[in-house]
Amino acid sequence: MKIYLASSSPRRKEILSMIINNFEIHVPKFDENEFNKKTNIKDPIELTLKLAEEKAVTAFNELKGIKDKLIISADTIVYFNKKIYGKGTNKEKSLKMLYELNNNVHEVITGVCIIYDDDIIKFTCKTKVYFANNSKETIEYYINNFSPFDKAGAYGIQDAGSILIEKIEGSYHNVMGLPIREVFNELRKIYEI
């Protein structure tokens, strides 16, 4: 069976490589920004599952000539105060996000979709993240020196973004973008690893 990770995220690649030796990256031609403009999904769980599924289905269809394949995709968001936070994308947006998350508890939700044969498995993982009461200078230092504009919530727990965090409840790897234990358990049901 050929395994594909439908993601350009270096963090997801790193996490998946902890449990699978042989897989390939296939970045689907799926425009997440366009999808978000067209959809009106407000529920964070529903949104992450739908985005993960759309990415996986797109990749599956793009690889239709390949038999016996398995596609893994994921989407991660930060959810706080009934608001969905995607990627920071720029300095101003990232600073605004981090000021709002500062000294508060938020959830990181990852939706995962696995497609193989004609079966689709979807699930989510939630982790509570407790931000410390960081000074404005600490937040600005992080943004100015580490430019986390490609990360949900504008921080990376695996890098200097950890200076902003007091503690977490749940999966560390989920906050990075792929809940490794949950993915491993689902893959074990499908084939022997």
Protein backbone atom coordinates (compact mmCIF):
# COMPACT_ATOMS: atom_id res chain seq x y z
CA MET A 1 0.00 0.00 0.00
CA LYS A 2 1.28 3.47 -0.91
CA ILE A 3 0.75 6.07 1.77
CA TYR A 4 0.43 9.77 0.99
CA LEU A 5 0.36 12.73 3.34
CA ALA A 6 -1.84 15.37 1.71
CA SER A 7 -0.10 18.35 3.28
CA SER A 8 2.73 20.78 2.68
CA SER A 9 3.29 21.18 6.44
CA PRO A 10 6.83 20.27 7.50
CA ARG A 11 5.50 19.67 11.01
CA ARG A 12 2.96 17.09 9.84
CA LYS A 13 5.65 15.38 7.77
CA GLU A 14 7.94 15.26 10.80
CA ILE A 15 5.20 13.85 13.05
CA LEU A 16 4.04 11.20 10.56
CA SER A 17 7.63 10.07 9.99
CA MET A 18 7.74 9.10 13.69
CA ILE A 19 5.32 6.23 13.01
CA ILE A 20 5.65 5.51 9.27
CA ASN A 21 8.94 5.04 7.44
CA ASN A 22 7.71 5.08 3.86
CA PHE A 23 5.23 7.68 2.70
CA GLU A 24 5.11 10.38 0.09
CA ILE A 25 3.94 13.96 0.20
CA HIS A 26 1.19 14.93 -2.22
CA VAL A 27 -0.01 18.51 -1.81
CA PRO A 28 -3.54 18.62 -3.24
CA LYS A 29 -4.58 21.45 -5.53
CA PHE A 30 -7.09 22.69 -2.98
CA ASP A 31 -7.51 26.38 -2.23
CA GLU A 32 -8.32 26.62 1.47
CA ASN A 33 -8.84 30.40 1.30
CA GLU A 34 -11.34 30.03 -1.54
CA PHE A 35 -13.13 27.26 0.37
CA ASN A 36 -13.36 29.44 3.49
CA LYS A 37 -14.83 32.31 1.45
CA LYS A 38 -17.55 30.04 0.04
CA THR A 39 -18.46 28.18 3.22
CA ASN A 40 -20.29 29.45 6.24
CA ILE A 41 -19.28 26.73 8.69
CA LYS A 42 -19.04 28.24 12.18
CA ASP A 43 -18.59 25.05 14.20
CA PRO A 44 -14.84 24.41 14.67
CA ILE A 45 -15.14 20.62 14.69
CA GLU A 46 -17.29 20.56 11.57
CA LEU A 47 -14.92 23.00 9.84
CA THR A 48 -11.73 21.05 10.57
CA LEU A 49 -13.34 17.77 9.50
CA LYS A 50 -14.68 19.28 6.28
CA LEU A 51 -11.35 20.88 5.38
CA ALA A 52 -9.44 17.66 6.12
CA GLU A 53 -11.92 15.67 4.03
CA GLU A 54 -11.80 18.10 1.10
CA LYS A 55 -8.00 17.94 1.07
CA ALA A 56 -8.00 14.13 1.25
CA VAL A 57 -10.67 13.68 -1.43
CA THR A 58 -8.87 16.12 -3.74
CA ALA A 59 -5.58 14.24 -3.27
CA PHE A 60 -7.31 10.87 -3.72
CA ASN A 61 -8.84 12.01 -7.02
CA GLU A 62 -5.56 13.52 -8.21
CA LEU A 63 -3.88 10.16 -7.58
CA LYS A 64 -6.69 8.09 -9.13
CA GLY A 65 -4.26 6.19 -11.38
CA ILE A 66 -2.52 4.70 -8.35
CA LYS A 67 -4.09 1.56 -6.91
CA ASP A 68 -3.90 0.46 -3.28
CA LYS A 69 -3.28 3.87 -1.75
CA LEU A 70 -3.99 5.53 1.57
CA ILE A 71 -4.33 9.30 1.97
CA ILE A 72 -3.88 11.16 5.27
CA SER A 73 -4.85 14.81 5.60
CA ALA A 74 -5.45 17.18 8.48
CA ASP A 75 -6.54 20.69 9.31
CA THR A 76 -5.79 22.52 12.55
CA ILE A 77 -7.44 25.60 14.01
CA VAL A 78 -7.34 27.50 17.27
CA TYR A 79 -10.71 28.14 18.91
CA PHE A 80 -11.19 30.81 21.56
CA ASN A 81 -14.17 32.81 22.77
CA LYS A 82 -16.43 31.30 20.05
CA LYS A 83 -14.01 32.48 17.37
CA ILE A 84 -11.99 30.38 14.92
CA TYR A 85 -8.36 31.40 14.45
CA GLY A 86 -6.56 30.19 11.36
CA LYS A 87 -3.04 31.13 10.32
CA GLY A 88 -1.62 34.51 11.28
CA THR A 89 -0.51 35.28 7.67
CA ASN A 90 1.13 38.62 8.59
CA LYS A 91 2.60 40.55 11.52
CA GLU A 92 -0.45 42.67 12.34
CA LYS A 93 -2.91 39.77 12.25
CA SER A 94 -0.53 37.57 14.26
CA LEU A 95 -0.02 40.20 16.97
CA LYS A 96 -3.79 40.69 17.26
CA MET A 97 -4.31 36.94 17.65
CA LEU A 98 -1.63 36.56 20.30
CA TYR A 99 -2.86 39.57 22.29
CA GLU A 100 -6.34 37.99 22.32
CA LEU A 101 -5.05 34.54 23.32
CA ASN A 102 -2.70 35.97 25.96
CA ASN A 103 -3.46 35.01 29.57
CA ASN A 104 -6.38 32.84 28.41
CA VAL A 105 -7.19 29.20 27.68
CA HIS A 106 -7.97 28.16 24.12
CA GLU A 107 -8.52 24.91 22.27
CA VAL A 108 -6.48 23.57 19.40
CA ILE A 109 -8.66 21.34 17.23
CA THR A 110 -7.31 19.13 14.47
CA GLY A 111 -9.58 17.31 12.06
CA VAL A 112 -8.02 14.27 10.40
CA CYS A 113 -9.24 12.37 7.35
CA ILE A 114 -7.89 9.02 6.17
CA ILE A 115 -9.04 7.59 2.85
CA TYR A 116 -8.22 4.11 1.62
CA ASP A 117 -10.08 1.98 -0.93
CA ASP A 118 -13.61 3.38 -0.69
CA ASP A 119 -13.53 4.02 3.04
CA ILE A 120 -13.24 7.38 4.75
CA ILE A 121 -12.28 7.74 8.40
CA LYS A 122 -12.67 11.14 10.05
CA PHE A 123 -11.96 12.20 13.60
CA THR A 124 -10.92 15.21 15.63
CA CYS A 125 -8.56 15.80 18.52
CA LYS A 126 -8.75 18.68 21.00
CA THR A 127 -6.03 20.07 23.23
CA LYS A 128 -6.43 22.87 25.78
CA VAL A 129 -3.61 25.40 25.70
CA TYR A 130 -3.07 27.78 28.62
CA PHE A 131 -1.26 30.94 27.61
CA ALA A 132 0.78 32.64 30.31
CA ASN A 133 0.31 36.31 31.14
CA ASN A 134 2.94 37.45 28.64
CA SER A 135 4.16 41.01 28.38
CA LYS A 136 3.58 42.95 25.18
CA GLU A 137 7.37 42.91 24.68
CA THR A 138 7.49 39.09 24.89
CA ILE A 139 4.75 38.71 22.29
CA GLU A 140 6.38 41.25 19.98
CA TYR A 141 9.77 39.58 20.45
CA TYR A 142 8.27 36.27 19.36
CA ILE A 143 6.53 37.73 16.30
CA ASN A 144 9.52 39.85 15.23
CA ASN A 145 12.06 37.05 15.57
CA PHE A 146 10.18 33.92 14.58
CA SER A 147 7.49 35.03 12.05
CA PRO A 148 4.94 32.28 12.79
CA PHE A 149 2.65 33.36 9.97
CA ASP A 150 2.04 29.82 8.69
CA LYS A 151 0.72 28.47 11.99
CA ALA A 152 -2.80 28.29 13.38
CA GLY A 153 -3.14 30.87 16.14
CA ALA A 154 0.15 32.48 15.06
CA TYR A 155 2.39 30.38 17.29
CA GLY A 156 4.29 27.12 17.19
CA ILE A 157 4.48 25.08 20.37
CA GLN A 158 7.49 23.19 18.97
CA ASP A 159 9.55 26.36 18.57
CA ALA A 160 9.99 29.58 20.52
CA GLY A 161 6.20 29.89 20.70
CA SER A 162 6.47 27.64 23.73
CA ILE A 163 7.67 30.68 25.72
CA LEU A 164 4.07 31.96 25.54
CA ILE A 165 2.53 28.79 26.97
CA GLU A 166 2.09 27.97 30.64
CA LYS A 167 0.75 24.43 30.14
CA ILE A 168 -1.38 22.19 27.93
CA GLU A 169 -3.99 19.50 28.56
CA GLY A 170 -4.00 16.87 25.84
CA SER A 171 -1.88 15.98 22.85
CA TYR A 172 1.27 18.01 22.26
CA HIS A 173 1.49 16.72 18.68
CA ASN A 174 -2.10 17.83 18.07
CA VAL A 175 -1.00 21.41 18.79
CA MET A 176 1.79 20.88 16.23
CA GLY A 177 -0.79 19.79 13.64
CA LEU A 178 -1.18 15.99 13.72
CA PRO A 179 -2.32 13.95 16.75
CA ILE A 180 0.17 11.09 16.45
CA ARG A 181 -1.39 8.60 18.87
CA GLU A 182 -4.85 8.92 17.35
CA VAL A 183 -3.50 8.64 13.79
CA PHE A 184 -1.43 5.59 14.77
CA ASN A 185 -4.44 3.87 16.36
CA GLU A 186 -6.57 4.43 13.25
CA LEU A 187 -3.83 3.23 10.90
CA ARG A 188 -3.39 0.03 12.93
CA LYS A 189 -7.03 -0.83 12.19
CA ILE A 190 -6.36 -0.58 8.45
CA TYR A 191 -3.02 -2.30 8.00
CA GLU A 192 -0.17 -3.75 10.00
CA ILE A 193 2.34 -1.20 11.23
